[in-house]
Amino acid sequence: MAWPSIAAPTYSTGGEVYRPQVRTEFEGNYVQSRPRSTRATRRWTLVWNAMTEANFSTLDAFFIANAGTTFSWTEPVTSTSYTVRFSEDSLKWTHSDKGVRSVQVGLETI
C-alpha cells in the first residue's frame, strides 16, 4: 500500500531519529550506557495547517484502512522512500476555518 495522493504537509513538519539506550547511574556521579537495540527508528510528525475537506476525507479513509499495517511513504523534502506505519492510534485535527482543517499525524519506520 502507498501513501495517498494528497497535498504535501506544511514545511514546519519535523522528524527525529530515535535510538534508545539503557543508562545506569552510579553514586560516584558517572553513568554507564549501552544501546537498547541494534537499529534506529526514524519518526516524523506531519502537519497540515490548511487541509481541504477532500484531502482530509482521503487521509481519514487511508488511516482507517491502514492503521496497524505498513505502507510506503516518500519524504517530501528529500524524496527518499520509506516503509512506515502510523506511530499513533489516532488522527488528530482541528477545524481552522469552514472547509479547512489543521491536521497532524505521526509516522515511523518499521
C-alpha atoms as a PDB file:
ATOM      1  CA  MET A   1       0.000   0.000   0.000  1.00  0.00           C
ATOM      2  CA  ALA A   2       1.241   3.511  -0.769  1.00  0.00           C
ATOM      3  CA  TRP A   3       0.566   6.872   0.857  1.00  0.00           C
ATOM      4  CA  PRO A   4      -2.459   8.589  -0.732  1.00  0.00           C
ATOM      5  CA  SER A   5      -2.128  11.389  -3.249  1.00  0.00           C
ATOM      6  CA  ILE A   6      -2.926  14.442  -1.114  1.00  0.00           C
ATOM      7  CA  ALA A   7      -1.413  17.881  -0.633  1.00  0.00           C
ATOM      8  CA  ALA A   8       2.116  17.884   0.792  1.00  0.00           C
ATOM      9  CA  PRO A   9       2.420  18.692   4.507  1.00  0.00           C
ATOM     10  CA  THR A  10       3.435  22.136   5.716  1.00  0.00           C
ATOM     11  CA  TYR A  11       7.192  22.713   5.835  1.00  0.00           C
ATOM     12  CA  SER A  12       7.071  23.053   9.622  1.00  0.00           C
ATOM     13  CA  THR A  13       6.817  19.249   9.606  1.00  0.00           C
ATOM     14  CA  GLY A  14       9.523  17.752  11.824  1.00  0.00           C
ATOM     15  CA  GLY A  15      11.234  14.468  12.486  1.00  0.00           C
ATOM     16  CA  GLU A  16      13.705  12.644  14.662  1.00  0.00           C
ATOM     17  CA  VAL A  17      15.988   9.636  14.750  1.00  0.00           C
ATOM     18  CA  TYR A  18      15.222   7.530  17.821  1.00  0.00           C
ATOM     19  CA  ARG A  19      17.887   5.152  19.130  1.00  0.00           C
ATOM     20  CA  PRO A  20      17.083   4.149  22.716  1.00  0.00           C
ATOM     21  CA  GLN A  21      19.788   3.336  25.193  1.00  0.00           C
ATOM     22  CA  VAL A  22      19.996   1.740  28.607  1.00  0.00           C
ATOM     23  CA  ARG A  23      21.561   4.076  31.171  1.00  0.00           C
ATOM     24  CA  THR A  24      22.733   3.127  34.650  1.00  0.00           C
ATOM     25  CA  GLU A  25      23.678   5.915  37.047  1.00  0.00           C
ATOM     26  CA  PHE A  26      26.112   5.256  39.881  1.00  0.00           C
ATOM     27  CA  GLU A  27      26.654   7.036  43.181  1.00  0.00           C
ATOM     28  CA  GLY A  28      30.067   8.278  42.068  1.00  0.00           C
ATOM     29  CA  ASN A  29      28.228  10.600  39.618  1.00  0.00           C
ATOM     30  CA  TYR A  30      29.096   8.670  36.500  1.00  0.00           C
ATOM     31  CA  VAL A  31      26.877   6.858  34.015  1.00  0.00           C
ATOM     32  CA  GLN A  32      27.281   3.613  32.122  1.00  0.00           C
ATOM     33  CA  SER A  33      25.244   3.248  28.928  1.00  0.00           C
ATOM     34  CA  ARG A  34      24.693   0.873  26.034  1.00  0.00           C
ATOM     35  CA  PRO A  35      22.339   0.738  23.050  1.00  0.00           C
ATOM     36  CA  ARG A  36      18.988  -0.863  23.867  1.00  0.00           C
ATOM     37  CA  SER A  37      18.563  -2.105  20.298  1.00  0.00           C
ATOM     38  CA  THR A  38      20.659  -2.644  17.199  1.00  0.00           C
ATOM     39  CA  ARG A  39      18.803  -0.235  14.940  1.00  0.00           C
ATOM     40  CA  ALA A  40      17.427   3.273  14.982  1.00  0.00           C
ATOM     41  CA  THR A  41      13.866   4.287  14.219  1.00  0.00           C
ATOM     42  CA  ARG A  42      13.035   7.389  12.201  1.00  0.00           C
ATOM     43  CA  ARG A  43       9.927   9.336  13.185  1.00  0.00           C
ATOM     44  CA  TRP A  44       8.060  12.194  11.519  1.00  0.00           C
ATOM     45  CA  THR A  45       5.230  14.433  12.596  1.00  0.00           C
ATOM     46  CA  LEU A  46       3.349  15.558   9.506  1.00  0.00           C
ATOM     47  CA  VAL A  47       1.393  18.796   9.861  1.00  0.00           C
ATOM     48  CA  TRP A  48      -1.080  20.449   7.519  1.00  0.00           C
ATOM     49  CA  ASN A  49      -2.146  23.949   8.587  1.00  0.00           C
ATOM     50  CA  ALA A  50      -4.910  24.201   5.976  1.00  0.00           C
ATOM     51  CA  MET A  51      -6.048  20.837   4.589  1.00  0.00           C
ATOM     52  CA  THR A  52      -9.148  20.796   2.396  1.00  0.00           C
ATOM     53  CA  GLU A  53     -12.080  18.559   3.300  1.00  0.00           C
ATOM     54  CA  ALA A  54     -11.458  16.459   0.165  1.00  0.00           C
ATOM     55  CA  ASN A  55      -7.836  15.776   1.171  1.00  0.00           C
ATOM     56  CA  PHE A  56      -8.926  15.116   4.760  1.00  0.00           C
ATOM     57  CA  SER A  57     -11.519  12.564   3.621  1.00  0.00           C
ATOM     58  CA  THR A  58      -8.804  10.769   1.621  1.00  0.00           C
ATOM     59  CA  LEU A  59      -6.376  10.784   4.571  1.00  0.00           C
ATOM     60  CA  ASP A  60      -9.107   9.705   7.006  1.00  0.00           C
ATOM     61  CA  ALA A  61     -10.060   6.719   4.835  1.00  0.00           C
ATOM     62  CA  PHE A  62      -6.371   5.796   4.400  1.00  0.00           C
ATOM     63  CA  PHE A  63      -5.799   5.976   8.178  1.00  0.00           C
ATOM     64  CA  ILE A  64      -8.810   3.782   8.941  1.00  0.00           C
ATOM     65  CA  ALA A  65      -7.779   1.215   6.315  1.00  0.00           C
ATOM     66  CA  ASN A  66      -4.057   1.138   7.212  1.00  0.00           C
ATOM     67  CA  ALA A  67      -3.718   1.764  10.959  1.00  0.00           C
ATOM     68  CA  GLY A  68      -1.660  -1.119  12.317  1.00  0.00           C
ATOM     69  CA  THR A  69      -0.119  -2.022   8.944  1.00  0.00           C
ATOM     70  CA  THR A  70       2.866  -0.772   6.962  1.00  0.00           C
ATOM     71  CA  PHE A  71       2.897   1.280   3.782  1.00  0.00           C
ATOM     72  CA  SER A  72       5.356   3.169   1.609  1.00  0.00           C
ATOM     73  CA  TRP A  73       5.784   6.922   2.070  1.00  0.00           C
ATOM     74  CA  THR A  74       8.119   9.371   0.331  1.00  0.00           C
ATOM     75  CA  GLU A  75       9.610  12.132   2.479  1.00  0.00           C
ATOM     76  CA  PRO A  76       8.597  15.311   0.611  1.00  0.00           C
ATOM     77  CA  VAL A  77      11.819  17.327   1.002  1.00  0.00           C
ATOM     78  CA  THR A  78      14.455  14.649   0.271  1.00  0.00           C
ATOM     79  CA  SER A  79      12.262  12.424  -1.946  1.00  0.00           C
ATOM     80  CA  THR A  80      13.513   9.375  -0.007  1.00  0.00           C
ATOM     81  CA  SER A  81      11.060   6.462   0.168  1.00  0.00           C
ATOM     82  CA  TYR A  82      10.491   4.648   3.491  1.00  0.00           C
ATOM     83  CA  THR A  83       8.352   1.759   4.693  1.00  0.00           C
ATOM     84  CA  VAL A  84       6.446   3.242   7.631  1.00  0.00           C
ATOM     85  CA  ARG A  85       3.472   2.785   9.924  1.00  0.00           C
ATOM     86  CA  PHE A  86       1.338   5.237  11.850  1.00  0.00           C
ATOM     87  CA  SER A  87       3.063   5.913  15.172  1.00  0.00           C
ATOM     88  CA  GLU A  88      -0.148   6.787  16.993  1.00  0.00           C
ATOM     89  CA  ASP A  89      -3.576   5.235  17.279  1.00  0.00           C
ATOM     90  CA  SER A  90      -5.351   8.440  16.312  1.00  0.00           C
ATOM     91  CA  LEU A  91      -5.541  11.028  13.539  1.00  0.00           C
ATOM     92  CA  LYS A  92      -5.662  14.495  15.106  1.00  0.00           C
ATOM     93  CA  TRP A  93      -7.297  17.573  13.588  1.00  0.00           C
ATOM     94  CA  THR A  94      -8.997  20.863  14.400  1.00  0.00           C
ATOM     95  CA  HIS A  95     -11.304  22.943  12.218  1.00  0.00           C
ATOM     96  CA  SER A  96      -9.287  26.042  11.368  1.00  0.00           C
ATOM     97  CA  ASP A  97     -11.913  27.556   9.051  1.00  0.00           C
ATOM     98  CA  LYS A  98     -15.016  26.446   7.187  1.00  0.00           C
ATOM     99  CA  GLY A  99     -13.969  23.631   4.857  1.00  0.00           C
ATOM    100  CA  VAL A 100     -10.359  23.665   6.125  1.00  0.00           C
ATOM    101  CA  ARG A 101      -8.713  21.634   8.874  1.00  0.00           C
ATOM    102  CA  SER A 102      -5.399  21.653  10.708  1.00  0.00           C
ATOM    103  CA  VAL A 103      -4.239  18.033  10.741  1.00  0.00           C
ATOM    104  CA  GLN A 104      -1.383  16.217  12.478  1.00  0.00           C
ATOM    105  CA  VAL A 105      -0.267  12.608  12.024  1.00  0.00           C
ATOM    106  CA  GLY A 106       2.820  10.681  13.166  1.00  0.00           C
ATOM    107  CA  LEU A 107       4.776   8.162  11.068  1.00  0.00           C
ATOM    108  CA  GLU A 108       7.698   5.892  11.993  1.00  0.00           C
ATOM    109  CA  THR A 109       9.906   3.392  10.192  1.00  0.00           C
ATOM    110  CA  ILE A 110       9.459  -0.271  10.986  1.00  0.00           C
END
